Amino acid sequence: MSAPADPGALRAAILSEARAWIGTPYLHRASLKGHGADCLGLVRGIWRAVVGPEPETLPSYAPDWAEAGRCETLADTARRHLVTIPLAEAQPGDVVLFRFREHLPAKHAALLCEGGRMIHAYDGASVCETALTPWWRRRLAYAFAFPGVG
C-alpha cells in the first residue's frame, strides 16, 4: 500500500494497520503480522504497509541492548526516518518511545491511539491495545510522526 496524500487519511491507515497486528505473539526481533513481533517489529511492519520498504537493515540487538549499550539507539534511528515532534503534540498514529528508568535509554515503542490508548508489543504477551496509564505516561521519552503526517 502506498501512503495516502492526506495526513488524516495517513493517520487512519497507520491505526488500521496497527490494529491488524493485534494478537500477533511477542517474538524478539520479529516483524511478521500474525506470527511474531516485538515493539520495534510492530513499527517496522506498519512502515512497510503504509510507507514502503524499510529504509535500513535492522542490526542485531539483544533484549538488554539499551541497558548494555547506554546509547539512544532506538531514538537515533527514529530520528533518521520519522519526524520528531514534541511529546505534548503527539496524536493518534504517532510513534512514542518509553524510557523504563530515568538514567537508561528509551527502549520501548508504541503507536498512540484515540482515547488515551496505545498499541504495542511486549515480552510475555502479544500486540495489544491498552490504556496509556499514568505508569506509561511517566516513562514517555520521545514522539515521532510518520513521514507525510508531521
N, C-alpha and C. Protein backbone atom coordinates (compact mmCIF):
# COMPACT_ATOMS: atom_id res chain seq x y z
N MET A 1 0.85 -1.16 0.00
CA MET A 1 0.00 0.00 0.00
C MET A 1 0.90 1.23 0.00
N SER A 2 0.58 2.22 -0.80
CA SER A 2 1.35 3.46 -0.77
C SER A 2 0.65 4.42 0.19
N ALA A 3 1.42 5.33 0.75
CA ALA A 3 0.90 6.25 1.76
C ALA A 3 -0.12 7.20 1.14
N PRO A 4 -1.27 7.41 1.80
CA PRO A 4 -2.23 8.40 1.33
C PRO A 4 -1.61 9.80 1.38
N ALA A 5 -2.04 10.67 0.47
CA ALA A 5 -1.50 12.03 0.43
C ALA A 5 -2.04 12.88 1.57
N ASP A 6 -3.25 12.65 2.02
CA ASP A 6 -3.89 13.41 3.08
C ASP A 6 -3.38 12.93 4.45
N PRO A 7 -2.83 13.84 5.28
CA PRO A 7 -2.31 13.43 6.59
C PRO A 7 -3.35 12.72 7.46
N GLY A 8 -4.60 13.15 7.41
CA GLY A 8 -5.65 12.49 8.18
C GLY A 8 -5.89 11.07 7.70
N ALA A 9 -5.88 10.88 6.38
CA ALA A 9 -6.05 9.53 5.82
C ALA A 9 -4.85 8.66 6.16
N LEU A 10 -3.65 9.26 6.19
CA LEU A 10 -2.46 8.51 6.55
C LEU A 10 -2.53 8.06 8.01
N ARG A 11 -2.96 8.95 8.90
CA ARG A 11 -3.12 8.56 10.31
C ARG A 11 -4.11 7.41 10.44
N ALA A 12 -5.21 7.48 9.71
CA ALA A 12 -6.21 6.41 9.76
C ALA A 12 -5.63 5.10 9.24
N ALA A 13 -4.83 5.17 8.18
CA ALA A 13 -4.20 3.96 7.63
C ALA A 13 -3.20 3.37 8.62
N ILE A 14 -2.45 4.22 9.30
CA ILE A 14 -1.48 3.75 10.30
C ILE A 14 -2.21 3.02 11.43
N LEU A 15 -3.27 3.62 11.94
CA LEU A 15 -4.02 3.00 13.04
C LEU A 15 -4.70 1.71 12.60
N SER A 16 -5.24 1.71 11.40
CA SER A 16 -5.87 0.50 10.88
C SER A 16 -4.86 -0.64 10.77
N GLU A 17 -3.68 -0.32 10.25
CA GLU A 17 -2.64 -1.35 10.13
C GLU A 17 -2.18 -1.81 11.50
N ALA A 18 -1.99 -0.89 12.44
CA ALA A 18 -1.57 -1.26 13.79
C ALA A 18 -2.59 -2.21 14.42
N ARG A 19 -3.86 -1.92 14.25
CA ARG A 19 -4.90 -2.78 14.84
C ARG A 19 -4.94 -4.15 14.16
N ALA A 20 -4.52 -4.23 12.91
CA ALA A 20 -4.47 -5.52 12.22
C ALA A 20 -3.41 -6.44 12.83
N TRP A 21 -2.47 -5.88 13.57
CA TRP A 21 -1.41 -6.66 14.23
C TRP A 21 -1.83 -7.18 15.59
N ILE A 22 -2.94 -6.69 16.15
CA ILE A 22 -3.37 -7.11 17.49
C ILE A 22 -3.52 -8.63 17.53
N GLY A 23 -2.96 -9.21 18.56
CA GLY A 23 -2.97 -10.66 18.72
C GLY A 23 -1.70 -11.34 18.21
N THR A 24 -0.87 -10.62 17.46
CA THR A 24 0.39 -11.19 16.99
C THR A 24 1.26 -11.49 18.22
N PRO A 25 1.74 -12.72 18.37
CA PRO A 25 2.54 -13.04 19.56
C PRO A 25 3.84 -12.25 19.62
N TYR A 26 4.29 -12.00 20.85
CA TYR A 26 5.57 -11.33 21.03
C TYR A 26 6.68 -12.29 20.63
N LEU A 27 7.60 -11.80 19.81
CA LEU A 27 8.78 -12.57 19.42
C LEU A 27 9.90 -11.57 19.18
N HIS A 28 10.94 -11.67 19.98
CA HIS A 28 12.08 -10.75 19.90
C HIS A 28 12.63 -10.69 18.48
N ARG A 29 12.84 -9.49 17.97
CA ARG A 29 13.40 -9.17 16.64
C ARG A 29 12.49 -9.55 15.47
N ALA A 30 11.31 -10.03 15.71
CA ALA A 30 10.42 -10.44 14.62
C ALA A 30 9.54 -9.27 14.17
N SER A 31 9.03 -9.38 12.94
CA SER A 31 8.17 -8.35 12.38
C SER A 31 7.28 -8.95 11.31
N LEU A 32 6.50 -9.95 11.70
CA LEU A 32 5.62 -10.63 10.75
C LEU A 32 4.22 -10.73 11.35
N LYS A 33 3.31 -9.94 10.81
CA LYS A 33 1.94 -9.87 11.31
C LYS A 33 1.33 -11.26 11.44
N GLY A 34 0.76 -11.54 12.59
CA GLY A 34 0.10 -12.82 12.84
C GLY A 34 1.05 -13.91 13.31
N HIS A 35 2.35 -13.71 13.15
CA HIS A 35 3.32 -14.75 13.51
C HIS A 35 4.22 -14.33 14.67
N GLY A 36 4.70 -13.08 14.68
CA GLY A 36 5.56 -12.64 15.76
C GLY A 36 6.08 -11.23 15.54
N ALA A 37 6.17 -10.48 16.64
CA ALA A 37 6.72 -9.12 16.57
C ALA A 37 7.12 -8.68 17.96
N ASP A 38 8.16 -7.85 18.00
CA ASP A 38 8.45 -7.11 19.22
C ASP A 38 7.98 -5.68 18.95
N CYS A 39 8.22 -4.77 19.89
CA CYS A 39 7.69 -3.41 19.72
C CYS A 39 8.27 -2.72 18.48
N LEU A 40 9.55 -2.92 18.23
CA LEU A 40 10.16 -2.34 17.03
C LEU A 40 9.63 -3.03 15.77
N GLY A 41 9.44 -4.34 15.85
CA GLY A 41 8.90 -5.09 14.72
C GLY A 41 7.51 -4.61 14.32
N LEU A 42 6.70 -4.22 15.30
CA LEU A 42 5.38 -3.67 15.02
C LEU A 42 5.51 -2.38 14.22
N VAL A 43 6.38 -1.47 14.65
CA VAL A 43 6.58 -0.20 13.94
C VAL A 43 7.13 -0.47 12.54
N ARG A 44 8.07 -1.41 12.42
CA ARG A 44 8.63 -1.76 11.12
C ARG A 44 7.54 -2.30 10.18
N GLY A 45 6.67 -3.15 10.71
CA GLY A 45 5.60 -3.71 9.89
C GLY A 45 4.61 -2.66 9.42
N ILE A 46 4.30 -1.72 10.29
CA ILE A 46 3.40 -0.62 9.91
C ILE A 46 4.08 0.23 8.84
N TRP A 47 5.37 0.50 9.01
CA TRP A 47 6.12 1.25 7.99
C TRP A 47 6.00 0.57 6.63
N ARG A 48 6.27 -0.74 6.60
CA ARG A 48 6.23 -1.46 5.32
C ARG A 48 4.85 -1.39 4.67
N ALA A 49 3.80 -1.49 5.47
CA ALA A 49 2.44 -1.48 4.94
C ALA A 49 1.99 -0.10 4.48
N VAL A 50 2.43 0.93 5.16
CA VAL A 50 1.91 2.27 4.90
C VAL A 50 2.89 3.15 4.11
N VAL A 51 4.20 3.01 4.38
CA VAL A 51 5.18 3.88 3.73
C VAL A 51 5.87 3.17 2.57
N GLY A 52 6.36 1.94 2.81
CA GLY A 52 7.07 1.20 1.77
C GLY A 52 8.19 0.37 2.37
N PRO A 53 9.18 0.01 1.56
CA PRO A 53 10.28 -0.81 2.06
C PRO A 53 11.01 -0.14 3.23
N GLU A 54 11.50 -0.97 4.13
CA GLU A 54 12.24 -0.43 5.28
C GLU A 54 13.48 0.32 4.80
N PRO A 55 13.77 1.47 5.42
CA PRO A 55 14.87 2.31 4.94
C PRO A 55 16.27 1.84 5.33
N GLU A 56 16.38 0.93 6.28
CA GLU A 56 17.70 0.42 6.63
C GLU A 56 17.57 -1.00 7.17
N THR A 57 18.67 -1.73 7.12
CA THR A 57 18.71 -3.09 7.63
C THR A 57 18.75 -3.06 9.14
N LEU A 58 17.97 -3.92 9.75
CA LEU A 58 17.91 -3.99 11.20
C LEU A 58 19.18 -4.62 11.75
N PRO A 59 19.88 -3.92 12.65
CA PRO A 59 21.07 -4.52 13.25
C PRO A 59 20.66 -5.55 14.30
N SER A 60 21.57 -6.39 14.67
CA SER A 60 21.32 -7.36 15.72
C SER A 60 21.18 -6.62 17.05
N TYR A 61 20.25 -7.07 17.89
CA TYR A 61 20.12 -6.49 19.22
C TYR A 61 19.60 -7.53 20.19
N ALA A 62 20.15 -7.51 21.39
CA ALA A 62 19.74 -8.43 22.44
C ALA A 62 18.62 -7.79 23.25
N PRO A 63 17.85 -8.58 24.01
CA PRO A 63 16.78 -7.98 24.82
C PRO A 63 17.26 -6.91 25.79
N ASP A 64 18.51 -6.98 26.23
CA ASP A 64 19.01 -5.99 27.18
C ASP A 64 19.88 -4.93 26.52
N TRP A 65 19.74 -4.73 25.21
CA TRP A 65 20.61 -3.83 24.47
C TRP A 65 20.68 -2.43 25.04
N ALA A 66 19.59 -1.87 25.50
CA ALA A 66 19.61 -0.49 25.99
C ALA A 66 20.42 -0.37 27.28
N GLU A 67 20.26 -1.34 28.16
CA GLU A 67 21.00 -1.31 29.41
C GLU A 67 22.49 -1.51 29.16
N ALA A 68 22.82 -2.40 28.25
CA ALA A 68 24.21 -2.72 27.98
C ALA A 68 24.93 -1.59 27.24
N GLY A 69 24.28 -1.01 26.24
CA GLY A 69 24.93 0.00 25.41
C GLY A 69 24.85 1.41 25.92
N ARG A 70 23.79 1.72 26.66
CA ARG A 70 23.57 3.07 27.20
C ARG A 70 23.55 4.15 26.12
N CYS A 71 23.20 3.78 24.89
CA CYS A 71 23.09 4.72 23.79
C CYS A 71 21.63 4.84 23.39
N GLU A 72 21.23 5.98 22.89
CA GLU A 72 19.85 6.19 22.44
C GLU A 72 19.66 5.65 21.03
N THR A 73 19.97 4.39 20.85
CA THR A 73 19.92 3.75 19.52
C THR A 73 18.52 3.82 18.91
N LEU A 74 17.50 3.50 19.68
CA LEU A 74 16.14 3.50 19.16
C LEU A 74 15.71 4.92 18.77
N ALA A 75 15.97 5.88 19.62
CA ALA A 75 15.60 7.27 19.31
C ALA A 75 16.40 7.82 18.14
N ASP A 76 17.69 7.49 18.09
CA ASP A 76 18.52 7.97 16.98
C ASP A 76 18.05 7.40 15.64
N THR A 77 17.66 6.14 15.65
CA THR A 77 17.14 5.52 14.42
C THR A 77 15.82 6.16 14.03
N ALA A 78 14.95 6.38 15.00
CA ALA A 78 13.67 7.03 14.71
C ALA A 78 13.88 8.41 14.11
N ARG A 79 14.85 9.15 14.63
CA ARG A 79 15.14 10.49 14.10
C ARG A 79 15.57 10.45 12.63
N ARG A 80 16.21 9.37 12.22
CA ARG A 80 16.66 9.28 10.83
C ARG A 80 15.50 9.07 9.85
N HIS A 81 14.39 8.49 10.32
CA HIS A 81 13.35 8.10 9.38
C HIS A 81 11.96 8.66 9.67
N LEU A 82 11.74 9.09 10.90
CA LEU A 82 10.46 9.66 11.30
C LEU A 82 10.65 11.15 11.56
N VAL A 83 9.57 11.85 11.78
CA VAL A 83 9.60 13.29 12.05
C VAL A 83 9.49 13.50 13.56
N THR A 84 10.51 14.10 14.16
CA THR A 84 10.49 14.36 15.60
C THR A 84 9.43 15.41 15.91
N ILE A 85 8.62 15.14 16.92
CA ILE A 85 7.59 16.08 17.36
C ILE A 85 7.65 16.19 18.89
N PRO A 86 7.20 17.32 19.44
CA PRO A 86 7.14 17.43 20.91
C PRO A 86 6.15 16.42 21.47
N LEU A 87 6.48 15.84 22.62
CA LEU A 87 5.57 14.87 23.25
C LEU A 87 4.16 15.44 23.41
N ALA A 88 4.06 16.69 23.78
CA ALA A 88 2.76 17.32 24.01
C ALA A 88 1.92 17.41 22.74
N GLU A 89 2.54 17.30 21.57
CA GLU A 89 1.82 17.40 20.31
C GLU A 89 1.53 16.05 19.66
N ALA A 90 1.93 14.95 20.31
CA ALA A 90 1.71 13.62 19.74
C ALA A 90 0.21 13.34 19.63
N GLN A 91 -0.15 12.71 18.52
CA GLN A 91 -1.55 12.41 18.20
C GLN A 91 -1.70 10.94 17.84
N PRO A 92 -2.95 10.47 17.74
CA PRO A 92 -3.15 9.09 17.30
C PRO A 92 -2.45 8.84 15.96
N GLY A 93 -1.73 7.72 15.90
CA GLY A 93 -0.97 7.37 14.70
C GLY A 93 0.50 7.71 14.83
N ASP A 94 0.89 8.43 15.88
CA ASP A 94 2.29 8.76 16.10
C ASP A 94 2.97 7.67 16.91
N VAL A 95 4.29 7.58 16.76
CA VAL A 95 5.11 6.63 17.49
C VAL A 95 5.65 7.31 18.73
N VAL A 96 5.53 6.65 19.86
CA VAL A 96 6.12 7.15 21.09
C VAL A 96 7.12 6.13 21.62
N LEU A 97 8.17 6.65 22.25
CA LEU A 97 9.20 5.80 22.85
C LEU A 97 9.19 6.02 24.36
N PHE A 98 9.47 4.94 25.07
CA PHE A 98 9.45 4.95 26.53
C PHE A 98 10.82 4.62 27.09
N ARG A 99 11.12 5.26 28.20
CA ARG A 99 12.34 5.01 28.96
C ARG A 99 11.88 4.37 30.28
N PHE A 100 12.33 3.14 30.55
CA PHE A 100 11.87 2.45 31.75
C PHE A 100 12.51 2.97 33.03
N ARG A 101 13.69 3.52 32.93
CA ARG A 101 14.34 4.16 34.07
C ARG A 101 14.94 5.46 33.57
N GLU A 102 14.91 6.47 34.40
CA GLU A 102 15.34 7.81 34.00
C GLU A 102 16.76 7.84 33.43
N HIS A 103 17.65 7.05 33.96
CA HIS A 103 19.05 7.09 33.52
C HIS A 103 19.35 6.14 32.36
N LEU A 104 18.35 5.42 31.86
CA LEU A 104 18.56 4.48 30.77
C LEU A 104 17.97 5.01 29.46
N PRO A 105 18.48 4.54 28.32
CA PRO A 105 17.92 4.95 27.03
C PRO A 105 16.49 4.44 26.84
N ALA A 106 15.77 5.09 25.96
CA ALA A 106 14.43 4.62 25.58
C ALA A 106 14.58 3.27 24.89
N LYS A 107 13.70 2.32 25.23
CA LYS A 107 13.82 1.00 24.62
C LYS A 107 12.48 0.34 24.30
N HIS A 108 11.39 1.09 24.39
CA HIS A 108 10.09 0.51 24.05
C HIS A 108 9.34 1.49 23.16
N ALA A 109 8.65 0.95 22.16
CA ALA A 109 7.90 1.78 21.21
C ALA A 109 6.43 1.38 21.21
N ALA A 110 5.58 2.35 20.92
CA ALA A 110 4.14 2.10 20.80
C ALA A 110 3.55 3.10 19.81
N LEU A 111 2.35 2.82 19.35
CA LEU A 111 1.59 3.72 18.49
C LEU A 111 0.47 4.31 19.32
N LEU A 112 0.36 5.63 19.33
CA LEU A 112 -0.74 6.26 20.05
C LEU A 112 -2.05 6.01 19.33
N CYS A 113 -3.11 5.85 20.10
CA CYS A 113 -4.47 5.67 19.57
C CYS A 113 -5.37 6.74 20.16
N GLU A 114 -6.60 6.76 19.72
CA GLU A 114 -7.59 7.67 20.25
C GLU A 114 -7.91 7.27 21.69
N GLY A 115 -8.46 8.23 22.44
CA GLY A 115 -8.96 7.92 23.77
C GLY A 115 -7.92 7.56 24.80
N GLY A 116 -6.70 8.07 24.65
CA GLY A 116 -5.67 7.79 25.65
C GLY A 116 -5.23 6.34 25.66
N ARG A 117 -5.13 5.74 24.49
CA ARG A 117 -4.74 4.34 24.37
C ARG A 117 -3.50 4.22 23.49
N MET A 118 -2.92 3.04 23.48
CA MET A 118 -1.75 2.78 22.64
C MET A 118 -1.78 1.33 22.19
N ILE A 119 -1.07 1.07 21.09
CA ILE A 119 -0.89 -0.29 20.58
C ILE A 119 0.59 -0.58 20.66
N HIS A 120 0.93 -1.73 21.28
CA HIS A 120 2.34 -2.09 21.43
C HIS A 120 2.47 -3.59 21.62
N ALA A 121 3.71 -4.06 21.53
CA ALA A 121 4.04 -5.46 21.77
C ALA A 121 5.03 -5.49 22.91
N TYR A 122 4.83 -6.41 23.83
CA TYR A 122 5.81 -6.52 24.90
C TYR A 122 5.98 -7.97 25.32
N ASP A 123 7.16 -8.24 25.84
CA ASP A 123 7.58 -9.59 26.20
C ASP A 123 6.56 -10.26 27.11
N GLY A 124 6.25 -11.51 26.79
CA GLY A 124 5.32 -12.28 27.59
C GLY A 124 3.86 -12.09 27.18
N ALA A 125 3.62 -11.29 26.17
CA ALA A 125 2.25 -11.04 25.73
C ALA A 125 2.21 -11.03 24.20
N SER A 126 1.31 -10.24 23.67
CA SER A 126 1.19 -10.11 22.22
C SER A 126 0.96 -8.64 21.90
N VAL A 127 0.85 -8.34 20.63
CA VAL A 127 0.49 -6.99 20.24
C VAL A 127 -0.92 -6.74 20.78
N CYS A 128 -1.08 -5.63 21.49
CA CYS A 128 -2.38 -5.35 22.11
C CYS A 128 -2.63 -3.85 22.14
N GLU A 129 -3.88 -3.50 22.33
CA GLU A 129 -4.27 -2.11 22.53
C GLU A 129 -4.61 -1.95 24.00
N THR A 130 -3.91 -1.04 24.67
CA THR A 130 -4.10 -0.85 26.11
C THR A 130 -4.18 0.63 26.43
N ALA A 131 -4.57 0.91 27.67
CA ALA A 131 -4.62 2.30 28.13
C ALA A 131 -3.21 2.85 28.31
N LEU A 132 -3.04 4.09 27.96
CA LEU A 132 -1.79 4.80 28.22
C LEU A 132 -1.93 5.33 29.66
N THR A 133 -1.70 4.45 30.60
CA THR A 133 -1.91 4.74 32.02
C THR A 133 -0.87 5.73 32.54
N PRO A 134 -1.09 6.25 33.74
CA PRO A 134 -0.08 7.15 34.33
C PRO A 134 1.30 6.49 34.41
N TRP A 135 1.37 5.19 34.67
CA TRP A 135 2.66 4.49 34.72
C TRP A 135 3.39 4.66 33.39
N TRP A 136 2.69 4.42 32.28
CA TRP A 136 3.29 4.59 30.95
C TRP A 136 3.59 6.06 30.67
N ARG A 137 2.69 6.95 30.99
CA ARG A 137 2.88 8.39 30.71
C ARG A 137 4.14 8.93 31.37
N ARG A 138 4.42 8.48 32.59
CA ARG A 138 5.63 8.94 33.29
C ARG A 138 6.90 8.51 32.57
N ARG A 139 6.82 7.51 31.74
CA ARG A 139 8.01 6.97 31.07
C ARG A 139 8.15 7.43 29.62
N LEU A 140 7.22 8.26 29.15
CA LEU A 140 7.33 8.79 27.79
C LEU A 140 8.61 9.58 27.63
N ALA A 141 9.32 9.32 26.54
CA ALA A 141 10.61 9.99 26.31
C ALA A 141 10.65 10.76 25.00
N TYR A 142 10.05 10.22 23.96
CA TYR A 142 10.12 10.82 22.61
C TYR A 142 8.81 10.57 21.87
N ALA A 143 8.55 11.43 20.89
CA ALA A 143 7.42 11.23 19.99
C ALA A 143 7.85 11.52 18.57
N PHE A 144 7.32 10.75 17.64
CA PHE A 144 7.65 10.88 16.22
C PHE A 144 6.40 10.65 15.38
N ALA A 145 6.35 11.34 14.25
CA ALA A 145 5.28 11.13 13.28
C ALA A 145 5.86 10.42 12.06
N PHE A 146 5.02 9.64 11.41
CA PHE A 146 5.42 9.03 10.15
C PHE A 146 5.58 10.13 9.10
N PRO A 147 6.44 9.94 8.10
CA PRO A 147 6.56 10.94 7.03
C PRO A 147 5.20 11.20 6.39
N GLY A 148 4.91 12.45 6.10
CA GLY A 148 3.64 12.81 5.49
C GLY A 148 2.57 13.16 6.48
N VAL A 149 2.83 12.91 7.77
CA VAL A 149 1.84 13.21 8.81
C VAL A 149 2.29 14.43 9.61
N GLY A 150 3.58 14.49 9.93
CA GLY A 150 4.09 15.52 10.84
C GLY A 150 4.34 16.84 10.19
